[in-house]
C-alpha atoms as a PDB file:
ATOM      1  CA  GLY A   1     -39.829 115.146 307.919  1.00  0.00           C
ATOM      2  CA  ILE A   2     -39.044 117.941 310.331  1.00  0.00           C
ATOM      3  CA  ASN A   3     -35.974 120.048 309.753  1.00  0.00           C
ATOM      4  CA  ALA A   4     -33.242 119.120 312.240  1.00  0.00           C
ATOM      5  CA  GLU A   5     -32.643 122.826 312.978  1.00  0.00           C
ATOM      6  CA  TYR A   6     -36.080 123.164 314.578  1.00  0.00           C
ATOM      7  CA  GLY A   7     -36.130 122.792 318.328  1.00  0.00           C
ATOM      8  CA  GLY A   8     -38.575 122.398 321.125  1.00  0.00           C
ATOM      9  CA  LEU A   9     -38.535 123.647 324.691  1.00  0.00           C
ATOM     10  CA  LEU A  10     -37.029 121.243 327.142  1.00  0.00           C
ATOM     11  CA  GLY A  11     -36.107 121.604 330.826  1.00  0.00           C
ATOM     12  CA  THR A  12     -37.451 121.331 334.285  1.00  0.00           C
ATOM     13  CA  GLU A  13     -40.991 122.457 335.156  1.00  0.00           C
ATOM     14  CA  GLU A  14     -39.509 125.685 336.664  1.00  0.00           C
ATOM     15  CA  GLN A  15     -37.386 126.359 333.549  1.00  0.00           C
ATOM     16  CA  VAL A  16     -40.278 125.816 331.166  1.00  0.00           C
ATOM     17  CA  ASP A  17     -42.537 127.997 333.372  1.00  0.00           C
ATOM     18  CA  HIS A  18     -39.933 130.755 333.334  1.00  0.00           C
ATOM     19  CA  VAL A  19     -39.695 130.759 329.531  1.00  0.00           C
ATOM     20  CA  CYS A  20     -43.515 130.555 329.242  1.00  0.00           C
ATOM     21  CA  ASN A  21     -43.780 133.679 331.409  1.00  0.00           C
ATOM     22  CA  LEU A  22     -41.173 135.534 329.333  1.00  0.00           C
ATOM     23  CA  TYR A  23     -43.124 134.785 326.134  1.00  0.00           C
ATOM     24  CA  ARG A  24     -46.528 135.145 327.786  1.00  0.00           C
ATOM     25  CA  CYS A  25     -47.404 131.585 326.818  1.00  0.00           C
ATOM     26  CA  TYR A  26     -49.987 129.296 328.346  1.00  0.00           C
ATOM     27  CA  ARG A  27     -49.825 125.599 328.874  1.00  0.00           C
ATOM     28  CA  SER A  28     -51.811 123.189 330.960  1.00  0.00           C
ATOM     29  CA  LYS A  29     -51.568 119.426 331.191  1.00  0.00           C
ATOM     30  CA  GLY A  30     -55.095 117.984 331.062  1.00  0.00           C
ATOM     31  CA  GLN A  31     -56.499 114.864 332.633  1.00  0.00           C
ATOM     32  CA  ALA A  32     -54.850 111.583 331.839  1.00  0.00           C
ATOM     33  CA  TYR A  33     -56.887 108.851 330.272  1.00  0.00           C
ATOM     34  CA  ASP A  34     -56.498 105.094 330.849  1.00  0.00           C
ATOM     35  CA  ASP A  35     -52.855 105.340 329.823  1.00  0.00           C
ATOM     36  CA  PRO A  36     -50.935 107.868 331.989  1.00  0.00           C
ATOM     37  CA  ASN A  37     -48.779 108.763 328.959  1.00  0.00           C
ATOM     38  CA  ASP A  38     -51.918 109.766 326.963  1.00  0.00           C
ATOM     39  CA  TYR A  39     -53.153 113.206 327.936  1.00  0.00           C
ATOM     40  CA  ILE A  40     -54.379 116.461 326.394  1.00  0.00           C
ATOM     41  CA  LEU A  41     -52.058 119.477 326.510  1.00  0.00           C
ATOM     42  CA  ASP A  42     -53.791 122.834 326.212  1.00  0.00           C
ATOM     43  CA  HIS A  43     -51.325 125.541 325.132  1.00  0.00           C
ATOM     44  CA  THR A  44     -50.830 128.873 323.346  1.00  0.00           C
ATOM     45  CA  VAL A  45     -50.667 128.500 319.566  1.00  0.00           C
ATOM     46  CA  THR A  46     -48.170 131.170 318.715  1.00  0.00           C
ATOM     47  CA  GLN A  47     -45.137 130.848 316.572  1.00  0.00           C
ATOM     48  CA  TYR A  48     -42.241 133.248 317.390  1.00  0.00           C
ATOM     49  CA  ILE A  49     -39.869 134.572 314.782  1.00  0.00           C
ATOM     50  CA  ILE A  50     -36.362 134.476 316.324  1.00  0.00           C
ATOM     51  CA  ASP A  51     -33.407 135.667 314.244  1.00  0.00           C
ATOM     52  CA  PRO A  52     -30.091 133.794 314.160  1.00  0.00           C
ATOM     53  CA  ASP A  53     -28.842 136.107 316.903  1.00  0.00           C
ATOM     54  CA  GLY A  54     -31.585 134.920 319.213  1.00  0.00           C
ATOM     55  CA  LYS A  55     -33.627 138.155 319.113  1.00  0.00           C
ATOM     56  CA  THR A  56     -37.360 137.766 318.917  1.00  0.00           C
ATOM     57  CA  VAL A  57     -38.420 139.888 315.965  1.00  0.00           C
ATOM     58  CA  GLY A  58     -42.095 138.922 315.478  1.00  0.00           C
ATOM     59  CA  TYR A  59     -44.723 136.285 315.948  1.00  0.00           C
ATOM     60  CA  PHE A  60     -47.698 134.599 314.242  1.00  0.00           C
ATOM     61  CA  MET A  61     -51.025 133.787 315.875  1.00  0.00           C
ATOM     62  CA  SER A  62     -52.862 130.706 314.770  1.00  0.00           C
ATOM     63  CA  ASN A  63     -55.360 132.654 312.702  1.00  0.00           C
ATOM     64  CA  ARG A  64     -52.733 133.546 310.068  1.00  0.00           C
ATOM     65  CA  GLY A  65     -52.416 131.198 307.078  1.00  0.00           C
ATOM     66  CA  LEU A  66     -49.303 130.313 305.251  1.00  0.00           C
ATOM     67  CA  GLU A  67     -50.078 132.828 302.518  1.00  0.00           C
ATOM     68  CA  GLU A  68     -49.744 135.648 305.106  1.00  0.00           C
ATOM     69  CA  ARG A  69     -46.873 134.185 307.078  1.00  0.00           C
ATOM     70  CA  VAL A  70     -44.364 133.530 304.247  1.00  0.00           C
ATOM     71  CA  PRO A  71     -44.073 137.171 303.041  1.00  0.00           C
ATOM     72  CA  ILE A  72     -43.740 138.405 306.602  1.00  0.00           C
ATOM     73  CA  LEU A  73     -41.044 135.790 307.340  1.00  0.00           C
ATOM     74  CA  LEU A  74     -39.152 136.616 304.133  1.00  0.00           C
ATOM     75  CA  ASP A  75     -39.289 140.336 305.003  1.00  0.00           C
ATOM     76  CA  HIS A  76     -37.656 139.564 308.314  1.00  0.00           C
ATOM     77  CA  VAL A  77     -35.017 137.531 306.517  1.00  0.00           C
ATOM     78  CA  GLU A  78     -34.192 140.519 304.198  1.00  0.00           C
ATOM     79  CA  LYS A  79     -34.141 143.008 307.130  1.00  0.00           C
ATOM     80  CA  TYR A  80     -31.771 140.727 309.037  1.00  0.00           C
ATOM     81  CA  ARG A  81     -29.447 140.443 306.038  1.00  0.00           C
ATOM     82  CA  GLU A  82     -29.501 144.213 305.412  1.00  0.00           C
ATOM     83  CA  HIS A  83     -28.582 144.783 309.095  1.00  0.00           C
ATOM     84  CA  LYS A  84     -25.804 142.217 308.920  1.00  0.00           C
ATOM     85  CA  GLU A  85     -24.398 143.626 305.698  1.00  0.00           C
ATOM     86  CA  CYS A  86     -24.003 147.010 307.471  1.00  0.00           C
ATOM     87  CA  ASP A  87     -21.881 145.241 310.117  1.00  0.00           C
ATOM     88  CA  GLN A  88     -19.673 143.066 307.952  1.00  0.00           C
ATOM     89  CA  THR A  89     -18.974 142.103 304.293  1.00  0.00           C
ATOM     90  CA  LYS A  90     -21.435 139.785 302.698  1.00  0.00           C
ATOM     91  CA  THR A  91     -20.693 136.071 303.154  1.00  0.00           C
ATOM     92  CA  GLU A  92     -22.469 133.004 301.877  1.00  0.00           C
ATOM     93  CA  ASP A  93     -25.411 132.398 304.164  1.00  0.00           C
ATOM     94  CA  THR A  94     -26.579 128.905 304.972  1.00  0.00           C
ATOM     95  CA  SER A  95     -28.632 130.044 307.975  1.00  0.00           C
ATOM     96  CA  MET A  96     -31.775 128.651 309.494  1.00  0.00           C
ATOM     97  CA  PHE A  97     -33.764 131.108 307.342  1.00  0.00           C
ATOM     98  CA  GLU A  98     -32.391 129.464 304.183  1.00  0.00           C
ATOM     99  CA  GLY A  99     -33.434 126.113 305.568  1.00  0.00           C
ATOM    100  CA  ILE A 100     -36.934 127.474 306.238  1.00  0.00           C
ATOM    101  CA  LYS A 101     -37.239 128.865 302.765  1.00  0.00           C
ATOM    102  CA  ASN A 102     -36.146 125.549 301.279  1.00  0.00           C
ATOM    103  CA  PHE A 103     -38.500 123.630 303.520  1.00  0.00           C
ATOM    104  CA  LEU A 104     -41.416 125.830 302.354  1.00  0.00           C
ATOM    105  CA  GLY A 105     -40.412 125.264 298.787  1.00  0.00           C
ATOM    106  CA  PHE A 106     -39.169 128.779 297.922  1.00  0.00           C
ATOM    107  CA  ASN A 107     -36.384 129.136 295.448  1.00  0.00           C
ATOM    108  CA  THR A 108     -33.516 130.902 297.289  1.00  0.00           C
ATOM    109  CA  THR A 109     -31.480 131.742 294.146  1.00  0.00           C
ATOM    110  CA  ALA A 110     -32.092 134.744 291.976  1.00  0.00           C
ATOM    111  CA  ALA A 111     -33.942 134.003 288.682  1.00  0.00           C
END
């Protein structure tokens, strides 16, 4: 199943257009078929890396495989933790990043 912490973009057409412009995304609803609820949606295939503070720290284009994405994502996790450790004492982290690591099957405890 899909992790409950993952979210999609919802809102009015104007709100979605605004966010698409901010992230330089593309989307276009194609022609409907016999069923008006059945249509093609052409869109940008980019995954953005957004830290728990809401800051966009990177992105992946569709041409990168999982083998390339995971080390980059884990590097962002470590950088985020190092930054936070400078700001406050270390606390137990059950963040979205831990959920992603678990979802991908990576052991999150030290061996």
